[in-house]
mmCIF file of all heavy atoms, coordinates in Angstrom:
data_MODEL
# 
_entry.id   MODEL 
# 
loop_
_atom_site.group_PDB 
_atom_site.id 
_atom_site.type_symbol 
_atom_site.label_atom_id 
_atom_site.label_alt_id 
_atom_site.label_comp_id 
_atom_site.label_asym_id 
_atom_site.label_entity_id 
_atom_site.label_seq_id 
_atom_site.pdbx_PDB_ins_code 
_atom_site.Cartn_x 
_atom_site.Cartn_y 
_atom_site.Cartn_z 
_atom_site.occupancy 
_atom_site.B_iso_or_equiv 
_atom_site.pdbx_formal_charge 
_atom_site.auth_seq_id 
_atom_site.auth_comp_id 
_atom_site.auth_asym_id 
_atom_site.auth_atom_id 
_atom_site.pdbx_PDB_model_num 
ATOM 1   N N   . ILE A 1 1  ? 57.506 110.850 34.009 1.00 0.00 ? 1  ILE A N   1 
ATOM 2   C CA  . ILE A 1 1  ? 56.280 110.693 34.793 1.00 0.00 ? 1  ILE A CA  1 
ATOM 3   C C   . ILE A 1 1  ? 55.475 111.974 34.653 1.00 0.00 ? 1  ILE A C   1 
ATOM 4   O O   . ILE A 1 1  ? 56.005 113.073 34.849 1.00 0.00 ? 1  ILE A O   1 
ATOM 5   C CB  . ILE A 1 1  ? 56.564 110.416 36.276 1.00 0.00 ? 1  ILE A CB  1 
ATOM 6   C CG1 . ILE A 1 1  ? 57.408 109.146 36.447 1.00 0.00 ? 1  ILE A CG1 1 
ATOM 7   C CG2 . ILE A 1 1  ? 55.253 110.278 37.041 1.00 0.00 ? 1  ILE A CG2 1 
ATOM 8   C CD1 . ILE A 1 1  ? 57.752 108.838 37.894 1.00 0.00 ? 1  ILE A CD1 1 
ATOM 9   N N   . VAL A 1 2  ? 54.203 111.819 34.319 1.00 0.00 ? 2  VAL A N   1 
ATOM 10  C CA  . VAL A 1 2  ? 53.300 112.959 34.166 1.00 0.00 ? 2  VAL A CA  1 
ATOM 11  C C   . VAL A 1 2  ? 52.216 112.894 35.238 1.00 0.00 ? 2  VAL A C   1 
ATOM 12  O O   . VAL A 1 2  ? 51.558 111.869 35.395 1.00 0.00 ? 2  VAL A O   1 
ATOM 13  C CB  . VAL A 1 2  ? 52.622 112.954 32.775 1.00 0.00 ? 2  VAL A CB  1 
ATOM 14  C CG1 . VAL A 1 2  ? 51.689 114.159 32.635 1.00 0.00 ? 2  VAL A CG1 1 
ATOM 15  C CG2 . VAL A 1 2  ? 53.655 112.931 31.664 1.00 0.00 ? 2  VAL A CG2 1 
ATOM 16  N N   . VAL A 1 3  ? 52.044 113.987 35.980 1.00 0.00 ? 3  VAL A N   1 
ATOM 17  C CA  . VAL A 1 3  ? 50.888 114.148 36.860 1.00 0.00 ? 3  VAL A CA  1 
ATOM 18  C C   . VAL A 1 3  ? 49.921 115.080 36.134 1.00 0.00 ? 3  VAL A C   1 
ATOM 19  O O   . VAL A 1 3  ? 50.277 116.221 35.822 1.00 0.00 ? 3  VAL A O   1 
ATOM 20  C CB  . VAL A 1 3  ? 51.275 114.740 38.230 1.00 0.00 ? 3  VAL A CB  1 
ATOM 21  C CG1 . VAL A 1 3  ? 50.024 114.996 39.070 1.00 0.00 ? 3  VAL A CG1 1 
ATOM 22  C CG2 . VAL A 1 3  ? 52.227 113.798 38.969 1.00 0.00 ? 3  VAL A CG2 1 
ATOM 23  N N   . CYS A 1 4  ? 48.717 114.596 35.854 1.00 0.00 ? 4  CYS A N   1 
ATOM 24  C CA  . CYS A 1 4  ? 47.768 115.359 35.046 1.00 0.00 ? 4  CYS A CA  1 
ATOM 25  C C   . CYS A 1 4  ? 46.504 115.673 35.834 1.00 0.00 ? 4  CYS A C   1 
ATOM 26  O O   . CYS A 1 4  ? 45.721 114.775 36.165 1.00 0.00 ? 4  CYS A O   1 
ATOM 27  C CB  . CYS A 1 4  ? 47.415 114.580 33.778 1.00 0.00 ? 4  CYS A CB  1 
ATOM 28  S SG  . CYS A 1 4  ? 46.325 115.466 32.643 1.00 0.00 ? 4  CYS A SG  1 
ATOM 29  N N   . GLY A 1 5  ? 46.313 116.952 36.146 1.00 0.00 ? 5  GLY A N   1 
ATOM 30  C CA  . GLY A 1 5  ? 45.081 117.414 36.759 1.00 0.00 ? 5  GLY A CA  1 
ATOM 31  C C   . GLY A 1 5  ? 44.117 117.905 35.691 1.00 0.00 ? 5  GLY A C   1 
ATOM 32  O O   . GLY A 1 5  ? 44.427 117.889 34.500 1.00 0.00 ? 5  GLY A O   1 
ATOM 33  N N   . HIS A 1 6  ? 42.951 118.382 36.120 1.00 0.00 ? 6  HIS A N   1 
ATOM 34  C CA  . HIS A 1 6  ? 41.973 118.824 35.120 1.00 0.00 ? 6  HIS A CA  1 
ATOM 35  C C   . HIS A 1 6  ? 40.970 119.806 35.722 1.00 0.00 ? 6  HIS A C   1 
ATOM 36  O O   . HIS A 1 6  ? 40.842 119.940 36.944 1.00 0.00 ? 6  HIS A O   1 
ATOM 37  C CB  . HIS A 1 6  ? 41.235 117.619 34.540 1.00 0.00 ? 6  HIS A CB  1 
ATOM 38  C CG  . HIS A 1 6  ? 40.347 116.909 35.527 1.00 0.00 ? 6  HIS A CG  1 
ATOM 39  N ND1 . HIS A 1 6  ? 39.001 117.181 35.643 1.00 0.00 ? 6  HIS A ND1 1 
ATOM 40  C CD2 . HIS A 1 6  ? 40.619 115.959 36.448 1.00 0.00 ? 6  HIS A CD2 1 
ATOM 41  C CE1 . HIS A 1 6  ? 38.475 116.413 36.580 1.00 0.00 ? 6  HIS A CE1 1 
ATOM 42  N NE2 . HIS A 1 6  ? 39.440 115.665 37.086 1.00 0.00 ? 6  HIS A NE2 1 
ATOM 43  N N   . SER A 1 7  ? 40.254 120.468 34.839 1.00 0.00 ? 7  SER A N   1 
ATOM 44  C CA  . SER A 1 7  ? 39.233 121.433 35.252 1.00 0.00 ? 7  SER A CA  1 
ATOM 45  C C   . SER A 1 7  ? 38.010 120.711 35.805 1.00 0.00 ? 7  SER A C   1 
ATOM 46  O O   . SER A 1 7  ? 37.789 119.522 35.538 1.00 0.00 ? 7  SER A O   1 
ATOM 47  C CB  . SER A 1 7  ? 38.831 122.300 34.053 1.00 0.00 ? 7  SER A CB  1 
ATOM 48  O OG  . SER A 1 7  ? 38.271 121.488 33.018 1.00 0.00 ? 7  SER A OG  1 
ATOM 49  N N   . ASP A 1 8  ? 37.199 121.446 36.581 1.00 0.00 ? 8  ASP A N   1 
ATOM 50  C CA  . ASP A 1 8  ? 35.936 120.929 37.126 1.00 0.00 ? 8  ASP A CA  1 
ATOM 51  C C   . ASP A 1 8  ? 36.132 119.616 37.881 1.00 0.00 ? 8  ASP A C   1 
ATOM 52  O O   . ASP A 1 8  ? 35.322 118.688 37.788 1.00 0.00 ? 8  ASP A O   1 
ATOM 53  C CB  . ASP A 1 8  ? 34.917 120.740 35.993 1.00 0.00 ? 8  ASP A CB  1 
ATOM 54  C CG  . ASP A 1 8  ? 33.492 120.563 36.504 1.00 0.00 ? 8  ASP A CG  1 
ATOM 55  O OD1 . ASP A 1 8  ? 33.100 121.304 37.427 1.00 0.00 ? 8  ASP A OD1 1 
ATOM 56  O OD2 . ASP A 1 8  ? 32.766 119.687 35.984 1.00 0.00 ? 8  ASP A OD2 1 
ATOM 57  N N   . CYS A 1 9  ? 37.219 119.521 38.645 1.00 0.00 ? 9  CYS A N   1 
ATOM 58  C CA  . CYS A 1 9  ? 37.553 118.285 39.355 1.00 0.00 ? 9  CYS A CA  1 
ATOM 59  C C   . CYS A 1 9  ? 36.696 118.122 40.606 1.00 0.00 ? 9  CYS A C   1 
ATOM 60  O O   . CYS A 1 9  ? 36.710 118.989 41.499 1.00 0.00 ? 9  CYS A O   1 
ATOM 61  C CB  . CYS A 1 9  ? 39.035 118.283 39.727 1.00 0.00 ? 9  CYS A CB  1 
ATOM 62  S SG  . CYS A 1 9  ? 39.578 116.774 40.559 1.00 0.00 ? 9  CYS A SG  1 
ATOM 63  N N   . GLY A 1 10 ? 35.952 117.022 40.694 1.00 0.00 ? 10 GLY A N   1 
ATOM 64  C CA  . GLY A 1 10 ? 35.092 116.780 41.850 1.00 0.00 ? 10 GLY A CA  1 
ATOM 65  C C   . GLY A 1 10 ? 35.874 116.643 43.142 1.00 0.00 ? 10 GLY A C   1 
ATOM 66  O O   . GLY A 1 10 ? 35.408 117.068 44.204 1.00 0.00 ? 10 GLY A O   1 
ATOM 67  N N   . ALA A 1 11 ? 37.080 116.057 43.070 1.00 0.00 ? 11 ALA A N   1 
ATOM 68  C CA  . ALA A 1 11 ? 37.901 115.916 44.271 1.00 0.00 ? 11 ALA A CA  1 
ATOM 69  C C   . ALA A 1 11 ? 38.309 117.274 44.810 1.00 0.00 ? 11 ALA A C   1 
ATOM 70  O O   . ALA A 1 11 ? 38.283 117.516 46.032 1.00 0.00 ? 11 ALA A O   1 
ATOM 71  C CB  . ALA A 1 11 ? 39.137 115.083 43.955 1.00 0.00 ? 11 ALA A CB  1 
ATOM 72  N N   . MET A 1 12 ? 38.663 118.198 43.923 1.00 0.00 ? 12 MET A N   1 
ATOM 73  C CA  . MET A 1 12 ? 39.050 119.536 44.356 1.00 0.00 ? 12 MET A CA  1 
ATOM 74  C C   . MET A 1 12 ? 37.844 120.319 44.884 1.00 0.00 ? 12 MET A C   1 
ATOM 75  O O   . MET A 1 12 ? 37.976 121.131 45.801 1.00 0.00 ? 12 MET A O   1 
ATOM 76  C CB  . MET A 1 12 ? 39.721 120.296 43.202 1.00 0.00 ? 12 MET A CB  1 
ATOM 77  C CG  . MET A 1 12 ? 40.973 119.628 42.646 1.00 0.00 ? 12 MET A CG  1 
ATOM 78  S SD  . MET A 1 12 ? 42.281 119.333 43.879 1.00 0.00 ? 12 MET A SD  1 
ATOM 79  C CE  . MET A 1 12 ? 42.120 117.544 44.147 1.00 0.00 ? 12 MET A CE  1 
ATOM 80  N N   . LYS A 1 13 ? 36.673 120.057 44.323 1.00 0.00 ? 13 LYS A N   1 
ATOM 81  C CA  . LYS A 1 13 ? 35.451 120.669 44.866 1.00 0.00 ? 13 LYS A CA  1 
ATOM 82  C C   . LYS A 1 13 ? 35.221 120.190 46.293 1.00 0.00 ? 13 LYS A C   1 
ATOM 83  O O   . LYS A 1 13 ? 34.787 120.958 47.160 1.00 0.00 ? 13 LYS A O   1 
ATOM 84  C CB  . LYS A 1 13 ? 34.252 120.311 43.993 1.00 0.00 ? 13 LYS A CB  1 
ATOM 85  C CG  . LYS A 1 13 ? 34.236 120.980 42.630 1.00 0.00 ? 13 LYS A CG  1 
ATOM 86  C CD  . LYS A 1 13 ? 33.013 120.554 41.833 1.00 0.00 ? 13 LYS A CD  1 
ATOM 87  C CE  . LYS A 1 13 ? 32.984 121.200 40.454 1.00 0.00 ? 13 LYS A CE  1 
ATOM 88  N NZ  . LYS A 1 13 ? 31.816 120.757 39.654 1.00 0.00 ? 13 LYS A NZ  1 
ATOM 89  N N   . GLY A 1 14 ? 35.519 118.915 46.544 1.00 0.00 ? 14 GLY A N   1 
ATOM 90  C CA  . GLY A 1 14 ? 35.385 118.382 47.891 1.00 0.00 ? 14 GLY A CA  1 
ATOM 91  C C   . GLY A 1 14 ? 36.341 119.038 48.865 1.00 0.00 ? 14 GLY A C   1 
ATOM 92  O O   . GLY A 1 14 ? 36.000 119.281 50.023 1.00 0.00 ? 14 GLY A O   1 
ATOM 93  N N   . LEU A 1 15 ? 37.549 119.352 48.400 1.00 0.00 ? 15 LEU A N   1 
ATOM 94  C CA  . LEU A 1 15 ? 38.498 120.073 49.250 1.00 0.00 ? 15 LEU A CA  1 
ATOM 95  C C   . LEU A 1 15 ? 37.962 121.446 49.622 1.00 0.00 ? 15 LEU A C   1 
ATOM 96  O O   . LEU A 1 15 ? 38.108 121.900 50.765 1.00 0.00 ? 15 LEU A O   1 
ATOM 97  C CB  . LEU A 1 15 ? 39.836 120.238 48.518 1.00 0.00 ? 15 LEU A CB  1 
ATOM 98  C CG  . LEU A 1 15 ? 40.854 119.112 48.607 1.00 0.00 ? 15 LEU A CG  1 
ATOM 99  C CD1 . LEU A 1 15 ? 42.069 119.463 47.774 1.00 0.00 ? 15 LEU A CD1 1 
ATOM 100 C CD2 . LEU A 1 15 ? 41.267 118.848 50.049 1.00 0.00 ? 15 LEU A CD2 1 
ATOM 101 N N   . CYS A 1 16 ? 37.347 122.108 48.643 1.00 0.00 ? 16 CYS A N   1 
ATOM 102 C CA  . CYS A 1 16 ? 36.831 123.453 48.881 1.00 0.00 ? 16 CYS A CA  1 
ATOM 103 C C   . CYS A 1 16 ? 35.566 123.438 49.734 1.00 0.00 ? 16 CYS A C   1 
ATOM 104 O O   . CYS A 1 16 ? 35.234 124.452 50.363 1.00 0.00 ? 16 CYS A O   1 
ATOM 105 C CB  . CYS A 1 16 ? 36.532 124.137 47.541 1.00 0.00 ? 16 CYS A CB  1 
ATOM 106 S SG  . CYS A 1 16 ? 37.998 124.451 46.527 1.00 0.00 ? 16 CYS A SG  1 
ATOM 107 N N   . HIS A 1 17 ? 34.865 122.320 49.748 1.00 0.00 ? 17 HIS A N   1 
ATOM 108 C CA  . HIS A 1 17 ? 33.605 122.203 50.508 1.00 0.00 ? 17 HIS A CA  1 
ATOM 109 C C   . HIS A 1 17 ? 33.610 120.886 51.286 1.00 0.00 ? 17 HIS A C   1 
ATOM 110 O O   . HIS A 1 17 ? 32.984 119.906 50.867 1.00 0.00 ? 17 HIS A O   1 
ATOM 111 C CB  . HIS A 1 17 ? 32.407 122.270 49.565 1.00 0.00 ? 17 HIS A CB  1 
ATOM 112 C CG  . HIS A 1 17 ? 32.295 123.557 48.820 1.00 0.00 ? 17 HIS A CG  1 
ATOM 113 N ND1 . HIS A 1 17 ? 31.786 124.719 49.390 1.00 0.00 ? 17 HIS A ND1 1 
ATOM 114 C CD2 . HIS A 1 17 ? 32.650 123.879 47.548 1.00 0.00 ? 17 HIS A CD2 1 
ATOM 115 C CE1 . HIS A 1 17 ? 31.815 125.689 48.502 1.00 0.00 ? 17 HIS A CE1 1 
ATOM 116 N NE2 . HIS A 1 17 ? 32.338 125.212 47.391 1.00 0.00 ? 17 HIS A NE2 1 
ATOM 117 N N   . PRO A 1 18 ? 34.324 120.842 52.414 1.00 0.00 ? 18 PRO A N   1 
ATOM 118 C CA  . PRO A 1 18 ? 34.456 119.603 53.188 1.00 0.00 ? 18 PRO A CA  1 
ATOM 119 C C   . PRO A 1 18 ? 33.125 118.991 53.602 1.00 0.00 ? 18 PRO A C   1 
ATOM 120 O O   . PRO A 1 18 ? 33.054 117.766 53.807 1.00 0.00 ? 18 PRO A O   1 
ATOM 121 C CB  . PRO A 1 18 ? 35.261 120.045 54.424 1.00 0.00 ? 18 PRO A CB  1 
ATOM 122 C CG  . PRO A 1 18 ? 35.968 121.289 54.001 1.00 0.00 ? 18 PRO A CG  1 
ATOM 123 C CD  . PRO A 1 18 ? 35.068 121.961 53.025 1.00 0.00 ? 18 PRO A CD  1 
ATOM 124 N N   . GLU A 1 19 ? 32.089 119.810 53.725 1.00 0.00 ? 19 GLU A N   1 
ATOM 125 C CA  . GLU A 1 19 ? 30.792 119.277 54.130 1.00 0.00 ? 19 GLU A CA  1 
ATOM 126 C C   . GLU A 1 19 ? 30.256 118.261 53.116 1.00 0.00 ? 19 GLU A C   1 
ATOM 127 O O   . GLU A 1 19 ? 29.474 117.365 53.468 1.00 0.00 ? 19 GLU A O   1 
ATOM 128 C CB  . GLU A 1 19 ? 29.778 120.418 54.325 1.00 0.00 ? 19 GLU A CB  1 
ATOM 129 C CG  . GLU A 1 19 ? 29.354 121.150 53.055 1.00 0.00 ? 19 GLU A CG  1 
ATOM 130 C CD  . GLU A 1 19 ? 30.323 122.237 52.606 1.00 0.00 ? 19 GLU A CD  1 
ATOM 131 O OE1 . GLU A 1 19 ? 31.386 122.376 53.246 1.00 0.00 ? 19 GLU A OE1 1 
ATOM 132 O OE2 . GLU A 1 19 ? 30.005 122.939 51.638 1.00 0.00 ? 19 GLU A OE2 1 
ATOM 133 N N   . LEU A 1 20 ? 30.686 118.376 51.869 1.00 0.00 ? 20 LEU A N   1 
ATOM 134 C CA  . LEU A 1 20 ? 30.245 117.437 50.844 1.00 0.00 ? 20 LEU A CA  1 
ATOM 135 C C   . LEU A 1 20 ? 30.827 116.045 51.070 1.00 0.00 ? 20 LEU A C   1 
ATOM 136 O O   . LEU A 1 20 ? 30.320 115.052 50.537 1.00 0.00 ? 20 LEU A O   1 
ATOM 137 C CB  . LEU A 1 20 ? 30.661 117.936 49.453 1.00 0.00 ? 20 LEU A CB  1 
ATOM 138 C CG  . LEU A 1 20 ? 30.083 119.275 48.992 1.00 0.00 ? 20 LEU A CG  1 
ATOM 139 C CD1 . LEU A 1 20 ? 30.672 119.668 47.637 1.00 0.00 ? 20 LEU A CD1 1 
ATOM 140 C CD2 . LEU A 1 20 ? 28.560 119.204 48.908 1.00 0.00 ? 20 LEU A CD2 1 
ATOM 141 N N   . LEU A 1 21 ? 31.910 115.985 51.850 1.00 0.00 ? 21 LEU A N   1 
ATOM 142 C CA  . LEU A 1 21 ? 32.612 114.722 52.042 1.00 0.00 ? 21 LEU A CA  1 
ATOM 143 C C   . LEU A 1 21 ? 32.162 113.970 53.287 1.00 0.00 ? 21 LEU A C   1 
ATOM 144 O O   . LEU A 1 21 ? 32.655 112.866 53.555 1.00 0.00 ? 21 LEU A O   1 
ATOM 145 C CB  . LEU A 1 21 ? 34.116 114.986 52.127 1.00 0.00 ? 21 LEU A CB  1 
ATOM 146 C CG  . LEU A 1 21 ? 34.756 115.662 50.913 1.00 0.00 ? 21 LEU A CG  1 
ATOM 147 C CD1 . LEU A 1 21 ? 36.224 115.922 51.176 1.00 0.00 ? 21 LEU A CD1 1 
ATOM 148 C CD2 . LEU A 1 21 ? 34.578 114.816 49.663 1.00 0.00 ? 21 LEU A CD2 1 
ATOM 149 N N   . GLN A 1 22 ? 31.234 114.535 54.057 1.00 0.00 ? 22 GLN A N   1 
ATOM 150 C CA  . GLN A 1 22 ? 30.813 113.885 55.300 1.00 0.00 ? 22 GLN A CA  1 
ATOM 151 C C   . GLN A 1 22 ? 30.310 112.456 55.097 1.00 0.00 ? 22 GLN A C   1 
ATOM 152 O O   . GLN A 1 22 ? 30.612 111.574 55.903 1.00 0.00 ? 22 GLN A O   1 
ATOM 153 C CB  . GLN A 1 22 ? 29.756 114.748 55.996 1.00 0.00 ? 22 GLN A CB  1 
ATOM 154 C CG  . GLN A 1 22 ? 30.331 116.013 56.610 1.00 0.00 ? 22 GLN A CG  1 
ATOM 155 C CD  . GLN A 1 22 ? 29.296 116.835 57.351 1.00 0.00 ? 22 GLN A CD  1 
ATOM 156 O OE1 . GLN A 1 22 ? 28.117 116.477 57.396 1.00 0.00 ? 22 GLN A OE1 1 
ATOM 157 N NE2 . GLN A 1 22 ? 29.733 117.940 57.925 1.00 0.00 ? 22 GLN A NE2 1 
ATOM 158 N N   . PRO A 1 23 ? 29.547 112.170 54.032 1.00 0.00 ? 23 PRO A N   1 
ATOM 159 C CA  . PRO A 1 23 ? 29.116 110.779 53.840 1.00 0.00 ? 23 PRO A CA  1 
ATOM 160 C C   . PRO A 1 23 ? 30.178 109.901 53.179 1.00 0.00 ? 23 PRO A C   1 
ATOM 161 O O   . PRO A 1 23 ? 29.938 108.716 52.943 1.00 0.00 ? 23 PRO A O   1 
ATOM 162 C CB  . PRO A 1 23 ? 27.892 110.906 52.930 1.00 0.00 ? 23 PRO A CB  1 
ATOM 163 C CG  . PRO A 1 23 ? 27.932 112.250 52.335 1.00 0.00 ? 23 PRO A CG  1 
ATOM 164 C CD  . PRO A 1 23 ? 28.942 113.077 53.060 1.00 0.00 ? 23 PRO A CD  1 
ATOM 165 N N   . MET A 1 24 ? 31.357 110.468 52.886 1.00 0.00 ? 24 MET A N   1 
ATOM 166 C CA  . MET A 1 24 ? 32.401 109.722 52.188 1.00 0.00 ? 24 MET A CA  1 
ATOM 167 C C   . MET A 1 24 ? 33.715 109.800 52.960 1.00 0.00 ? 24 MET A C   1 
ATOM 168 O O   . MET A 1 24 ? 34.661 110.494 52.566 1.00 0.00 ? 24 MET A O   1 
ATOM 169 C CB  . MET A 1 24 ? 32.587 110.294 50.777 1.00 0.00 ? 24 MET A CB  1 
ATOM 170 C CG  . MET A 1 24 ? 31.370 110.143 49.883 1.00 0.00 ? 24 MET A CG  1 
ATOM 171 S SD  . MET A 1 24 ? 31.580 110.870 48.226 1.00 0.00 ? 24 MET A SD  1 
ATOM 172 C CE  . MET A 1 24 ? 31.274 112.611 48.598 1.00 0.00 ? 24 MET A CE  1 
ATOM 173 N N   . PRO A 1 25 ? 33.822 109.104 54.091 1.00 0.00 ? 25 PRO A N   1 
ATOM 174 C CA  . PRO A 1 25 ? 35.018 109.227 54.938 1.00 0.00 ? 25 PRO A CA  1 
ATOM 175 C C   . PRO A 1 25 ? 36.296 108.767 54.251 1.00 0.00 ? 25 PRO A C   1 
ATOM 176 O O   . PRO A 1 25 ? 37.375 109.312 54.503 1.00 0.00 ? 25 PRO A O   1 
ATOM 177 C CB  . PRO A 1 25 ? 34.686 108.340 56.148 1.00 0.00 ? 25 PRO A CB  1 
ATOM 178 C CG  . PRO A 1 25 ? 33.618 107.409 55.663 1.00 0.00 ? 25 PRO A CG  1 
ATOM 179 C CD  . PRO A 1 25 ? 32.829 108.196 54.668 1.00 0.00 ? 25 PRO A CD  1 
ATOM 180 N N   . ASN A 1 26 ? 36.201 107.764 53.381 1.00 0.00 ? 26 ASN A N   1 
ATOM 181 C CA  . ASN A 1 26 ? 37.410 107.304 52.690 1.00 0.00 ? 26 ASN A CA  1 
ATOM 182 C C   . ASN A 1 26 ? 37.923 108.342 51.704 1.00 0.00 ? 26 ASN A C   1 
ATOM 183 O O   . ASN A 1 26 ? 39.130 108.539 51.566 1.00 0.00 ? 26 ASN A O   1 
ATOM 184 C CB  . ASN A 1 26 ? 37.131 105.980 51.958 1.00 0.00 ? 26 ASN A CB  1 
ATOM 185 C CG  . ASN A 1 26 ? 37.061 104.808 52.916 1.00 0.00 ? 26 ASN A CG  1 
ATOM 186 O OD1 . ASN A 1 26 ? 37.946 104.621 53.742 1.00 0.00 ? 26 ASN A OD1 1 
ATOM 187 N ND2 . ASN A 1 26 ? 36.009 104.018 52.805 1.00 0.00 ? 26 ASN A ND2 1 
ATOM 188 N N   . VAL A 1 27 ? 36.995 108.997 51.019 1.00 0.00 ? 27 VAL A N   1 
ATOM 189 C CA  . VAL A 1 27 ? 37.396 110.055 50.089 1.00 0.00 ? 27 VAL A CA  1 
ATOM 190 C C   . VAL A 1 27 ? 38.037 111.209 50.855 1.00 0.00 ? 27 VAL A C   1 
ATOM 191 O O   . VAL A 1 27 ? 39.075 111.750 50.452 1.00 0.00 ? 27 VAL A O   1 
ATOM 192 C CB  . VAL A 1 27 ? 36.192 110.561 49.274 1.00 0.00 ? 27 VAL A CB  1 
ATOM 193 C CG1 . VAL A 1 27 ? 36.594 111.745 48.397 1.00 0.00 ? 27 VAL A CG1 1 
ATOM 194 C CG2 . VAL A 1 27 ? 35.620 109.442 48.415 1.00 0.00 ? 27 VAL A CG2 1 
# 
């Protein structure tokens, strides 16, 4: 089983800036 992450990940940017996720409660 391989877990593969990547550079410039939008999900990780959202973790670093929670305010970006306010309109996306499921994310």
